Amino acid sequence: MIENYKKYKLKDIAKYERAKKGTIYPIGSTIIQISASKGEVEYLEDDMEVVEGKYAVVIPDKNINKRYFNIVVNKNIKRFFMKYQSGLNIQIKDIGEIVIELHERDIQDTIAAHFEAIEGDERAIIREIGIMTTLKNRFLRDLFI
């Protein structure tokens, strides 16, 4: 990773709360599973309601690229969990202690764009594997008719 960054605690650069039923969270929010968790982190691709209370929803400040923020949380979540996890759970108050490395905004945008391109390629390959698996199963089925 590019070494020109500043370190912050999540609580200083983002809002976070335990997911509440009936609340619609904005696109680009990061959700972290805090109950019965192994450090699962997701990115909201659309505005949506996070129904289960076992998640913390994190919304970064407006001057931070939301996709980049999610990438950095994913990068640092294991170290955070080793320090703060008690049993299978994380306390919501501890989420604010996750260390976030922030680059300049143009570097954030570049890193996020590269990740999105790679993930797009990954989705295309997964679709292609599904198509090939279906084709293989049809050929096998037809082979024994």
C-alpha atoms as a PDB file:
ATOM      1  CA  MET A   1       0.000   0.000   0.000  1.00  0.00           C
ATOM      2  CA  ILE A   2       1.187   3.545  -0.645  1.00  0.00           C
ATOM      3  CA  GLU A   3       2.965   4.773   2.491  1.00  0.00           C
ATOM      4  CA  ASN A   4       1.752   8.400   2.447  1.00  0.00           C
ATOM      5  CA  TYR A   5      -1.234   8.228   4.813  1.00  0.00           C
ATOM      6  CA  LYS A   6      -2.466   9.365   8.222  1.00  0.00           C
ATOM      7  CA  LYS A   7      -3.884   7.050  10.872  1.00  0.00           C
ATOM      8  CA  TYR A   8      -7.203   7.786  12.562  1.00  0.00           C
ATOM      9  CA  LYS A   9      -9.577   5.939  14.833  1.00  0.00           C
ATOM     10  CA  LEU A  10     -12.889   5.136  13.191  1.00  0.00           C
ATOM     11  CA  LYS A  11     -14.794   7.167  15.804  1.00  0.00           C
ATOM     12  CA  ASP A  12     -12.976  10.319  14.640  1.00  0.00           C
ATOM     13  CA  ILE A  13     -13.914  10.022  10.950  1.00  0.00           C
ATOM     14  CA  ALA A  14     -17.219   8.123  10.818  1.00  0.00           C
ATOM     15  CA  LYS A  15     -20.597   7.672  12.490  1.00  0.00           C
ATOM     16  CA  TYR A  16     -21.540   4.197  13.647  1.00  0.00           C
ATOM     17  CA  GLU A  17     -24.403   2.486  15.431  1.00  0.00           C
ATOM     18  CA  ARG A  18     -25.953  -0.914  15.944  1.00  0.00           C
ATOM     19  CA  ALA A  19     -28.323  -1.607  13.055  1.00  0.00           C
ATOM     20  CA  LYS A  20     -31.904  -0.621  13.857  1.00  0.00           C
ATOM     21  CA  LYS A  21     -34.943  -2.291  12.362  1.00  0.00           C
ATOM     22  CA  GLY A  22     -36.868   0.063  10.105  1.00  0.00           C
ATOM     23  CA  THR A  23     -33.897   2.324   9.352  1.00  0.00           C
ATOM     24  CA  ILE A  24     -32.765   2.659   5.738  1.00  0.00           C
ATOM     25  CA  TYR A  25     -28.989   3.004   5.560  1.00  0.00           C
ATOM     26  CA  PRO A  26     -27.366   4.837   2.640  1.00  0.00           C
ATOM     27  CA  ILE A  27     -25.443   3.304  -0.223  1.00  0.00           C
ATOM     28  CA  GLY A  28     -21.754   3.032   0.612  1.00  0.00           C
ATOM     29  CA  SER A  29     -22.242   2.224   4.276  1.00  0.00           C
ATOM     30  CA  THR A  30     -20.000  -0.441   5.744  1.00  0.00           C
ATOM     31  CA  ILE A  31     -21.606  -3.105   7.912  1.00  0.00           C
ATOM     32  CA  ILE A  32     -19.606  -5.095  10.434  1.00  0.00           C
ATOM     33  CA  GLN A  33     -21.014  -8.194  12.086  1.00  0.00           C
ATOM     34  CA  ILE A  34     -20.515  -7.767  15.835  1.00  0.00           C
ATOM     35  CA  SER A  35     -22.531 -10.700  17.240  1.00  0.00           C
ATOM     36  CA  ALA A  36     -21.277 -14.243  16.649  1.00  0.00           C
ATOM     37  CA  SER A  37     -18.658 -12.756  14.366  1.00  0.00           C
ATOM     38  CA  LYS A  38     -15.427 -13.790  12.723  1.00  0.00           C
ATOM     39  CA  GLY A  39     -14.849 -10.287  11.381  1.00  0.00           C
ATOM     40  CA  GLU A  40     -17.352 -10.193   8.525  1.00  0.00           C
ATOM     41  CA  VAL A  41     -17.427  -6.818   6.770  1.00  0.00           C
ATOM     42  CA  GLU A  42     -19.782  -5.916   3.919  1.00  0.00           C
ATOM     43  CA  TYR A  43     -20.382  -2.912   1.687  1.00  0.00           C
ATOM     44  CA  LEU A  44     -23.921  -1.707   0.945  1.00  0.00           C
ATOM     45  CA  GLU A  45     -24.308  -1.456  -2.834  1.00  0.00           C
ATOM     46  CA  ASP A  46     -27.764   0.151  -2.492  1.00  0.00           C
ATOM     47  CA  ASP A  47     -29.772   2.049   0.097  1.00  0.00           C
ATOM     48  CA  MET A  48     -31.240  -0.695   2.269  1.00  0.00           C
ATOM     49  CA  GLU A  49     -32.535  -1.719   5.651  1.00  0.00           C
ATOM     50  CA  VAL A  50     -30.126  -3.852   7.678  1.00  0.00           C
ATOM     51  CA  VAL A  51     -32.735  -5.856   9.558  1.00  0.00           C
ATOM     52  CA  GLU A  52     -30.614  -7.805  11.991  1.00  0.00           C
ATOM     53  CA  GLY A  53     -29.231  -6.120  15.091  1.00  0.00           C
ATOM     54  CA  LYS A  54     -26.114  -8.251  14.974  1.00  0.00           C
ATOM     55  CA  TYR A  55     -24.480  -5.654  12.708  1.00  0.00           C
ATOM     56  CA  ALA A  56     -22.866  -2.306  13.278  1.00  0.00           C
ATOM     57  CA  VAL A  57     -23.461   0.176  10.474  1.00  0.00           C
ATOM     58  CA  VAL A  58     -20.612   2.609   9.770  1.00  0.00           C
ATOM     59  CA  ILE A  59     -21.043   5.724   7.626  1.00  0.00           C
ATOM     60  CA  PRO A  60     -17.783   7.539   6.846  1.00  0.00           C
ATOM     61  CA  ASP A  61     -17.519  11.332   6.669  1.00  0.00           C
ATOM     62  CA  LYS A  62     -18.415  12.935   3.330  1.00  0.00           C
ATOM     63  CA  ASN A  63     -14.813  13.750   2.402  1.00  0.00           C
ATOM     64  CA  ILE A  64     -13.847  10.038   2.470  1.00  0.00           C
ATOM     65  CA  ASN A  65     -14.375   7.686  -0.474  1.00  0.00           C
ATOM     66  CA  LYS A  66     -16.873   5.167   0.919  1.00  0.00           C
ATOM     67  CA  ARG A  67     -15.527   2.237  -1.080  1.00  0.00           C
ATOM     68  CA  TYR A  68     -11.963   3.027  -0.003  1.00  0.00           C
ATOM     69  CA  PHE A  69     -13.141   3.240   3.619  1.00  0.00           C
ATOM     70  CA  ASN A  70     -14.660  -0.238   3.329  1.00  0.00           C
ATOM     71  CA  ILE A  71     -11.404  -1.594   1.860  1.00  0.00           C
ATOM     72  CA  VAL A  72      -9.383  -0.212   4.780  1.00  0.00           C
ATOM     73  CA  VAL A  73     -11.862  -1.573   7.357  1.00  0.00           C
ATOM     74  CA  ASN A  74     -11.575  -5.004   5.689  1.00  0.00           C
ATOM     75  CA  LYS A  75      -7.794  -4.711   5.788  1.00  0.00           C
ATOM     76  CA  ASN A  76      -7.679  -3.886   9.506  1.00  0.00           C
ATOM     77  CA  ILE A  77     -10.592  -5.878  10.945  1.00  0.00           C
ATOM     78  CA  LYS A  78      -8.634  -9.022  11.885  1.00  0.00           C
ATOM     79  CA  ARG A  79      -6.104  -7.070  13.972  1.00  0.00           C
ATOM     80  CA  PHE A  80      -8.974  -5.206  15.642  1.00  0.00           C
ATOM     81  CA  PHE A  81     -10.837  -8.441  16.418  1.00  0.00           C
ATOM     82  CA  MET A  82      -7.756 -10.042  17.969  1.00  0.00           C
ATOM     83  CA  LYS A  83      -7.552  -7.143  20.405  1.00  0.00           C
ATOM     84  CA  TYR A  84     -11.218  -6.386  21.186  1.00  0.00           C
ATOM     85  CA  GLN A  85     -13.245  -9.552  20.645  1.00  0.00           C
ATOM     86  CA  SER A  86     -14.731 -11.122  23.777  1.00  0.00           C
ATOM     87  CA  GLY A  87     -15.984 -14.600  22.992  1.00  0.00           C
ATOM     88  CA  LEU A  88     -17.868 -14.394  19.720  1.00  0.00           C
ATOM     89  CA  ASN A  89     -18.948 -10.777  20.113  1.00  0.00           C
ATOM     90  CA  ILE A  90     -17.673  -7.215  19.833  1.00  0.00           C
ATOM     91  CA  GLN A  91     -19.086  -4.375  21.904  1.00  0.00           C
ATOM     92  CA  ILE A  92     -20.564  -1.585  19.772  1.00  0.00           C
ATOM     93  CA  LYS A  93     -18.529   1.017  21.700  1.00  0.00           C
ATOM     94  CA  ASP A  94     -15.300  -0.722  20.638  1.00  0.00           C
ATOM     95  CA  ILE A  95     -16.012  -0.322  16.899  1.00  0.00           C
ATOM     96  CA  GLY A  96     -14.776   3.251  17.175  1.00  0.00           C
ATOM     97  CA  GLU A  97     -11.285   1.961  17.988  1.00  0.00           C
ATOM     98  CA  ILE A  98     -10.644   0.429  14.539  1.00  0.00           C
ATOM     99  CA  VAL A  99      -7.537   2.035  13.056  1.00  0.00           C
ATOM    100  CA  ILE A 100      -8.123   3.600   9.632  1.00  0.00           C
ATOM    101  CA  GLU A 101      -5.301   4.704   7.344  1.00  0.00           C
ATOM    102  CA  LEU A 102      -6.407   7.589   5.132  1.00  0.00           C
ATOM    103  CA  HIS A 103      -4.596   8.650   1.985  1.00  0.00           C
ATOM    104  CA  GLU A 104      -5.274  11.864   0.096  1.00  0.00           C
ATOM    105  CA  ARG A 105      -8.657  11.861  -1.658  1.00  0.00           C
ATOM    106  CA  ASP A 106      -7.244  11.331  -5.178  1.00  0.00           C
ATOM    107  CA  ILE A 107      -5.344   8.242  -3.996  1.00  0.00           C
ATOM    108  CA  GLN A 108      -8.490   6.974  -2.225  1.00  0.00           C
ATOM    109  CA  ASP A 109     -10.430   7.314  -5.484  1.00  0.00           C
ATOM    110  CA  THR A 110      -7.720   5.503  -7.480  1.00  0.00           C
ATOM    111  CA  ILE A 111      -7.499   2.593  -5.030  1.00  0.00           C
ATOM    112  CA  ALA A 112     -11.295   2.253  -4.915  1.00  0.00           C
ATOM    113  CA  ALA A 113     -11.522   2.298  -8.735  1.00  0.00           C
ATOM    114  CA  HIS A 114      -8.918  -0.459  -9.019  1.00  0.00           C
ATOM    115  CA  PHE A 115     -10.746  -2.619  -6.474  1.00  0.00           C
ATOM    116  CA  GLU A 116     -14.067  -2.091  -8.270  1.00  0.00           C
ATOM    117  CA  ALA A 117     -12.493  -3.128 -11.597  1.00  0.00           C
ATOM    118  CA  ILE A 118     -11.045  -6.273 -10.040  1.00  0.00           C
ATOM    119  CA  GLU A 119     -14.357  -7.120  -8.365  1.00  0.00           C
ATOM    120  CA  GLY A 120     -16.181  -6.593 -11.687  1.00  0.00           C
ATOM    121  CA  ASP A 121     -13.819  -9.070 -13.342  1.00  0.00           C
ATOM    122  CA  GLU A 122     -14.379 -11.479 -10.453  1.00  0.00           C
ATOM    123  CA  ARG A 123     -18.181 -11.274 -10.856  1.00  0.00           C
ATOM    124  CA  ALA A 124     -17.850 -11.908 -14.617  1.00  0.00           C
ATOM    125  CA  ILE A 125     -15.690 -14.974 -13.990  1.00  0.00           C
ATOM    126  CA  ILE A 126     -18.139 -16.321 -11.401  1.00  0.00           C
ATOM    127  CA  ARG A 127     -21.003 -15.904 -13.900  1.00  0.00           C
ATOM    128  CA  GLU A 128     -18.946 -17.677 -16.570  1.00  0.00           C
ATOM    129  CA  ILE A 129     -18.192 -20.561 -14.197  1.00  0.00           C
ATOM    130  CA  GLY A 130     -21.926 -20.864 -13.471  1.00  0.00           C
ATOM    131  CA  ILE A 131     -22.725 -20.980 -17.178  1.00  0.00           C
ATOM    132  CA  MET A 132     -20.017 -23.582 -17.805  1.00  0.00           C
ATOM    133  CA  THR A 133     -21.247 -25.699 -14.888  1.00  0.00           C
ATOM    134  CA  THR A 134     -24.804 -25.623 -16.255  1.00  0.00           C
ATOM    135  CA  LEU A 135     -23.517 -26.561 -19.724  1.00  0.00           C
ATOM    136  CA  LYS A 136     -21.438 -29.399 -18.292  1.00  0.00           C
ATOM    137  CA  ASN A 137     -24.438 -30.758 -16.370  1.00  0.00           C
ATOM    138  CA  ARG A 138     -26.593 -30.665 -19.524  1.00  0.00           C
ATOM    139  CA  PHE A 139     -23.929 -32.502 -21.540  1.00  0.00           C
ATOM    140  CA  LEU A 140     -23.615 -35.141 -18.805  1.00  0.00           C
ATOM    141  CA  ARG A 141     -27.395 -35.531 -18.634  1.00  0.00           C
ATOM    142  CA  ASP A 142     -27.642 -35.879 -22.423  1.00  0.00           C
ATOM    143  CA  LEU A 143     -24.751 -38.332 -22.499  1.00  0.00           C
ATOM    144  CA  PHE A 144     -26.758 -40.953 -20.634  1.00  0.00           C
ATOM    145  CA  ILE A 145     -30.085 -40.612 -22.469  1.00  0.00           C
END
